[in-house]
C-alpha atoms as a PDB file:
ATOM      1  CA  MET A   1     -15.217  -9.483  -0.443  1.00  0.00           C
ATOM      2  CA  LYS A   2     -14.013  -8.404   3.013  1.00  0.00           C
ATOM      3  CA  LYS A   3     -14.033  -4.698   3.781  1.00  0.00           C
ATOM      4  CA  PHE A   4     -10.840  -4.502   5.836  1.00  0.00           C
ATOM      5  CA  ILE A   5      -7.501  -6.229   6.093  1.00  0.00           C
ATOM      6  CA  PHE A   6      -5.924  -6.260   9.535  1.00  0.00           C
ATOM      7  CA  ALA A   7      -2.158  -6.005   9.568  1.00  0.00           C
ATOM      8  CA  ALA A   8       0.018  -6.242  12.637  1.00  0.00           C
ATOM      9  CA  ILE A   9       3.333  -4.585  13.256  1.00  0.00           C
ATOM     10  CA  LEU A  10       5.470  -7.103  15.044  1.00  0.00           C
ATOM     11  CA  VAL A  11       8.775  -6.242  16.523  1.00  0.00           C
ATOM     12  CA  VAL A  12      10.986  -9.089  17.600  1.00  0.00           C
ATOM     13  CA  SER A  13      13.362  -7.894  20.248  1.00  0.00           C
ATOM     14  CA  ASN A  14      16.040  -9.290  22.462  1.00  0.00           C
ATOM     15  CA  PRO A  15      14.293 -10.177  25.751  1.00  0.00           C
ATOM     16  CA  CYS A  16      17.081  -8.385  27.603  1.00  0.00           C
ATOM     17  CA  ALA A  17      16.493  -5.157  25.666  1.00  0.00           C
ATOM     18  CA  ALA A  18      15.042  -2.059  27.285  1.00  0.00           C
ATOM     19  CA  THR A  19      11.330  -2.325  27.977  1.00  0.00           C
ATOM     20  CA  ASP A  20      10.614   1.297  27.055  1.00  0.00           C
ATOM     21  CA  LYS A  21      10.679   0.514  23.320  1.00  0.00           C
ATOM     22  CA  ILE A  22       7.508   1.131  21.337  1.00  0.00           C
ATOM     23  CA  GLY A  23       5.543  -2.119  21.064  1.00  0.00           C
ATOM     24  CA  ASP A  24       3.353  -3.957  18.596  1.00  0.00           C
ATOM     25  CA  GLN A  25       0.086  -2.592  17.324  1.00  0.00           C
ATOM     26  CA  THR A  26      -2.668  -3.794  15.034  1.00  0.00           C
ATOM     27  CA  VAL A  27      -3.884  -1.475  12.276  1.00  0.00           C
ATOM     28  CA  LYS A  28      -7.019  -1.676  10.095  1.00  0.00           C
ATOM     29  CA  VAL A  29      -6.290  -1.225   6.404  1.00  0.00           C
ATOM     30  CA  SER A  30      -8.744  -1.077   3.510  1.00  0.00           C
ATOM     31  CA  GLU A  31      -8.435  -3.768   0.856  1.00  0.00           C
ATOM     32  CA  GLN A  32      -8.150  -0.884  -1.623  1.00  0.00           C
ATOM     33  CA  ASP A  33      -5.137   0.728   0.112  1.00  0.00           C
ATOM     34  CA  LYS A  34      -2.679   1.392  -2.723  1.00  0.00           C
ATOM     35  CA  ASN A  35       0.453   1.464  -0.541  1.00  0.00           C
ATOM     36  CA  MET A  36      -0.433  -1.817   1.164  1.00  0.00           C
ATOM     37  CA  ASN A  37      -1.215  -3.565  -2.121  1.00  0.00           C
ATOM     38  CA  LEU A  38       2.091  -2.360  -3.603  1.00  0.00           C
ATOM     39  CA  ALA A  39       3.930  -3.589  -0.491  1.00  0.00           C
ATOM     40  CA  ILE A  40       2.340  -7.035  -0.725  1.00  0.00           C
ATOM     41  CA  ALA A  41       3.183  -7.216  -4.437  1.00  0.00           C
ATOM     42  CA  GLU A  42       6.831  -6.332  -3.725  1.00  0.00           C
ATOM     43  CA  ALA A  43       7.070  -8.886  -0.920  1.00  0.00           C
ATOM     44  CA  ARG A  44       5.677 -11.588  -3.193  1.00  0.00           C
ATOM     45  CA  ARG A  45       7.955 -10.561  -6.080  1.00  0.00           C
ATOM     46  CA  THR A  46      11.048 -10.908  -3.854  1.00  0.00           C
ATOM     47  CA  LEU A  47       9.906 -13.944  -1.840  1.00  0.00           C
ATOM     48  CA  ASP A  48      12.126 -16.495  -3.612  1.00  0.00           C
ATOM     49  CA  GLY A  49      15.278 -14.551  -2.757  1.00  0.00           C
ATOM     50  CA  PHE A  50      14.200 -14.250   0.868  1.00  0.00           C
ATOM     51  CA  LEU A  51      13.435 -17.977   1.124  1.00  0.00           C
ATOM     52  CA  ALA A  52      16.847 -18.848  -0.335  1.00  0.00           C
ATOM     53  CA  LEU A  53      18.529 -16.522   2.175  1.00  0.00           C
ATOM     54  CA  SER A  54      16.561 -18.021   5.077  1.00  0.00           C
ATOM     55  CA  LYS A  55      17.832 -21.509   4.190  1.00  0.00           C
ATOM     56  CA  LYS A  56      21.474 -20.391   4.443  1.00  0.00           C
ATOM     57  CA  PRO A  57      21.401 -17.372   6.765  1.00  0.00           C
ATOM     58  CA  PRO A  58      24.509 -15.210   6.553  1.00  0.00           C
ATOM     59  CA  GLU A  59      26.312 -14.107   9.691  1.00  0.00           C
ATOM     60  CA  GLY A  60      24.516 -11.268  11.431  1.00  0.00           C
ATOM     61  CA  THR A  61      21.014 -12.356  10.337  1.00  0.00           C
ATOM     62  CA  SER A  62      18.233 -13.592  12.630  1.00  0.00           C
ATOM     63  CA  ASN A  63      14.473 -13.644  13.227  1.00  0.00           C
ATOM     64  CA  PHE A  64      13.396 -14.734   9.741  1.00  0.00           C
ATOM     65  CA  LYS A  65       9.614 -14.327   9.523  1.00  0.00           C
ATOM     66  CA  LEU A  66       6.690 -14.565   7.130  1.00  0.00           C
ATOM     67  CA  LYS A  67       3.443 -12.571   7.242  1.00  0.00           C
ATOM     68  CA  VAL A  68       0.467 -14.691   6.247  1.00  0.00           C
ATOM     69  CA  MET A  69      -3.161 -13.852   5.454  1.00  0.00           C
ATOM     70  CA  LEU A  70      -5.621 -16.040   7.351  1.00  0.00           C
ATOM     71  CA  SER A  71      -9.399 -15.885   7.310  1.00  0.00           C
ATOM     72  CA  ASP A  72     -12.436 -17.442   8.883  1.00  0.00           C
ATOM     73  CA  ASP A  73     -16.110 -16.512   9.299  1.00  0.00           C
ATOM     74  CA  ALA A  74     -15.102 -13.530  11.488  1.00  0.00           C
ATOM     75  CA  GLY A  75     -12.936 -11.877   8.807  1.00  0.00           C
ATOM     76  CA  VAL A  76      -9.403 -11.553   7.462  1.00  0.00           C
ATOM     77  CA  GLU A  77      -6.215 -10.920   9.394  1.00  0.00           C
ATOM     78  CA  HIS A  78      -2.493 -10.912   8.589  1.00  0.00           C
ATOM     79  CA  PHE A  79      -0.092 -12.555  11.055  1.00  0.00           C
ATOM     80  CA  TRP A  80       3.647 -12.982  11.440  1.00  0.00           C
ATOM     81  CA  PHE A  81       4.935 -16.553  11.728  1.00  0.00           C
ATOM     82  CA  ILE A  82       8.235 -16.946  13.599  1.00  0.00           C
ATOM     83  CA  PRO A  83       9.892 -19.377  13.095  1.00  0.00           C
ATOM     84  CA  PHE A  84       8.655 -21.019   9.915  1.00  0.00           C
ATOM     85  CA  LYS A  85       9.770 -23.874   7.675  1.00  0.00           C
ATOM     86  CA  GLU A  86       8.895 -25.287   4.286  1.00  0.00           C
ATOM     87  CA  ILE A  87       6.853 -28.476   4.339  1.00  0.00           C
ATOM     88  CA  LYS A  88       5.221 -30.592   1.667  1.00  0.00           C
ATOM     89  CA  ASP A  89       2.607 -28.422  -0.094  1.00  0.00           C
ATOM     90  CA  GLY A  90       3.607 -25.184   1.641  1.00  0.00           C
ATOM     91  CA  PHE A  91       4.898 -23.904   4.943  1.00  0.00           C
ATOM     92  CA  ALA A  92       4.324 -24.222   8.686  1.00  0.00           C
ATOM     93  CA  GLY A  93       5.196 -21.852  11.468  1.00  0.00           C
ATOM     94  CA  VAL A  94       4.445 -20.521  14.911  1.00  0.00           C
ATOM     95  CA  LEU A  95       1.787 -17.791  14.984  1.00  0.00           C
ATOM     96  CA  ALA A  96       3.483 -14.785  16.616  1.00  0.00           C
ATOM     97  CA  ASN A  97       0.509 -12.402  17.043  1.00  0.00           C
ATOM     98  CA  ASP A  98      -2.587 -12.474  19.216  1.00  0.00           C
ATOM     99  CA  PRO A  99      -5.627 -12.599  16.917  1.00  0.00           C
ATOM    100  CA  GLN A 100      -7.818  -9.512  16.992  1.00  0.00           C
ATOM    101  CA  VAL A 101     -10.478 -10.552  14.470  1.00  0.00           C
ATOM    102  CA  ILE A 102     -10.433 -14.185  13.443  1.00  0.00           C
ATOM    103  CA  LYS A 103     -11.356 -16.793  16.022  1.00  0.00           C
ATOM    104  CA  SER A 104      -9.884 -19.972  14.520  1.00  0.00           C
ATOM    105  CA  VAL A 105      -6.223 -19.507  15.547  1.00  0.00           C
ATOM    106  CA  VAL A 106      -4.227 -18.971  18.746  1.00  0.00           C
ATOM    107  CA  ALA A 107      -0.855 -17.244  19.178  1.00  0.00           C
ATOM    108  CA  GLY A 108       1.992 -19.643  19.900  1.00  0.00           C
ATOM    109  CA  LYS A 109       0.468 -22.566  18.006  1.00  0.00           C
ATOM    110  CA  VAL A 110       1.878 -24.077  14.802  1.00  0.00           C
ATOM    111  CA  TYR A 111      -0.195 -23.734  11.629  1.00  0.00           C
ATOM    112  CA  ALA A 112       0.319 -24.774   8.006  1.00  0.00           C
ATOM    113  CA  PHE A 113      -0.237 -22.314   5.166  1.00  0.00           C
ATOM    114  CA  LYS A 114       0.218 -22.022   1.417  1.00  0.00           C
ATOM    115  CA  ARG A 115       2.588 -19.766  -0.502  1.00  0.00           C
ATOM    116  CA  GLU A 116      -0.382 -17.822  -1.898  1.00  0.00           C
ATOM    117  CA  GLN A 117      -1.251 -16.717   1.648  1.00  0.00           C
ATOM    118  CA  ILE A 118       2.148 -15.060   2.218  1.00  0.00           C
ATOM    119  CA  THR A 119       1.894 -11.261   2.138  1.00  0.00           C
ATOM    120  CA  ASP A 120       5.268 -10.194   3.559  1.00  0.00           C
ATOM    121  CA  TRP A 121       8.618 -11.354   4.845  1.00  0.00           C
ATOM    122  CA  GLY A 122      11.359  -9.945   7.023  1.00  0.00           C
ATOM    123  CA  TYR A 123      14.489 -10.595   9.025  1.00  0.00           C
ATOM    124  CA  GLU A 124      17.094  -8.776  11.082  1.00  0.00           C
ATOM    125  CA  LEU A 125      20.543  -7.973   9.761  1.00  0.00           C
ATOM    126  CA  ASN A 126      22.915  -6.607  12.381  1.00  0.00           C
ATOM    127  CA  GLY A 127      20.007  -5.049  14.288  1.00  0.00           C
ATOM    128  CA  LYS A 128      18.197  -3.625  11.248  1.00  0.00           C
ATOM    129  CA  GLN A 129      14.786  -4.890  10.083  1.00  0.00           C
ATOM    130  CA  ILE A 130      15.046  -5.892   6.413  1.00  0.00           C
ATOM    131  CA  GLY A 131      11.915  -6.497   4.334  1.00  0.00           C
ATOM    132  CA  SER A 132       8.730  -5.901   6.339  1.00  0.00           C
ATOM    133  CA  PHE A 133       7.230  -4.117   3.321  1.00  0.00           C
ATOM    134  CA  THR A 134       3.749  -4.027   4.858  1.00  0.00           C
ATOM    135  CA  VAL A 135       5.087  -2.379   8.008  1.00  0.00           C
ATOM    136  CA  CYS A 136       6.749   0.283   5.852  1.00  0.00           C
ATOM    137  CA  ALA A 137       3.415   0.782   4.057  1.00  0.00           C
ATOM    138  CA  LEU A 138       1.686   1.303   7.410  1.00  0.00           C
ATOM    139  CA  PHE A 139       4.282   3.910   8.318  1.00  0.00           C
ATOM    140  CA  LYS A 140       3.011   6.121   5.476  1.00  0.00           C
ATOM    141  CA  SER A 141      -0.266   6.744   7.327  1.00  0.00           C
ATOM    142  CA  MET A 142       0.977   6.669  10.923  1.00  0.00           C
ATOM    143  CA  PRO A 143       1.981   9.685  13.018  1.00  0.00           C
ATOM    144  CA  LYS A 144       5.558  10.709  12.172  1.00  0.00           C
ATOM    145  CA  ALA A 145       6.609  10.502  15.823  1.00  0.00           C
ATOM    146  CA  ASP A 146       5.482   6.858  16.047  1.00  0.00           C
ATOM    147  CA  VAL A 147       7.282   5.985  12.809  1.00  0.00           C
ATOM    148  CA  ALA A 148      10.491   7.615  14.030  1.00  0.00           C
ATOM    149  CA  ARG A 149      10.198   5.674  17.271  1.00  0.00           C
ATOM    150  CA  TYR A 150       9.712   2.315  15.498  1.00  0.00           C
ATOM    151  CA  LYS A 151      12.696   3.016  13.268  1.00  0.00           C
ATOM    152  CA  LYS A 152      14.861   4.079  16.211  1.00  0.00           C
ATOM    153  CA  ASP A 153      13.766   1.351  18.624  1.00  0.00           C
ATOM    154  CA  HIS A 154      13.591  -1.564  16.199  1.00  0.00           C
ATOM    155  CA  GLY A 155      15.726  -0.649  13.206  1.00  0.00           C
ATOM    156  CA  PHE A 156      13.116  -0.678  10.436  1.00  0.00           C
ATOM    157  CA  VAL A 157      14.672   0.244   7.086  1.00  0.00           C
ATOM    158  CA  CYS A 158      12.115   1.615   4.652  1.00  0.00           C
ATOM    159  CA  GLU A 159      12.431   3.294   1.275  1.00  0.00           C
ATOM    160  CA  ASP A 160      10.500   6.543   1.343  1.00  0.00           C
END
């Protein structure tokens, strides 16, 4: 059993947006972290609804993404895939994060993955980040000023 899970906060912004927004970061999380495990469970419980929505996106929605757990001999890491699509026997998508731990993948490349590997989902609705349960879980242990900045700069909506 691996000691740590690595989860990345990924913010997908308009390239024309201000560059002084708080950016992505990678955070180490214990496999035993209660908030993270609850977030992953909620994301998996609501995945079917998200997938249905992503197939027929309503007006005002964009940047549909899946977070996926990948592993190799170096460890375990969770990555966002944007965009993604369903394929026979699972999904495929473009890896949106630079790996920090595992050595078998490269950002910007397309990889296939199984439903069981999905640990989160998210999308934007009129500038607000919907879903992203694992990001909201990370917010619970981050400095309040950083959390406020992510919410302000990128529109994360989290239940407290």
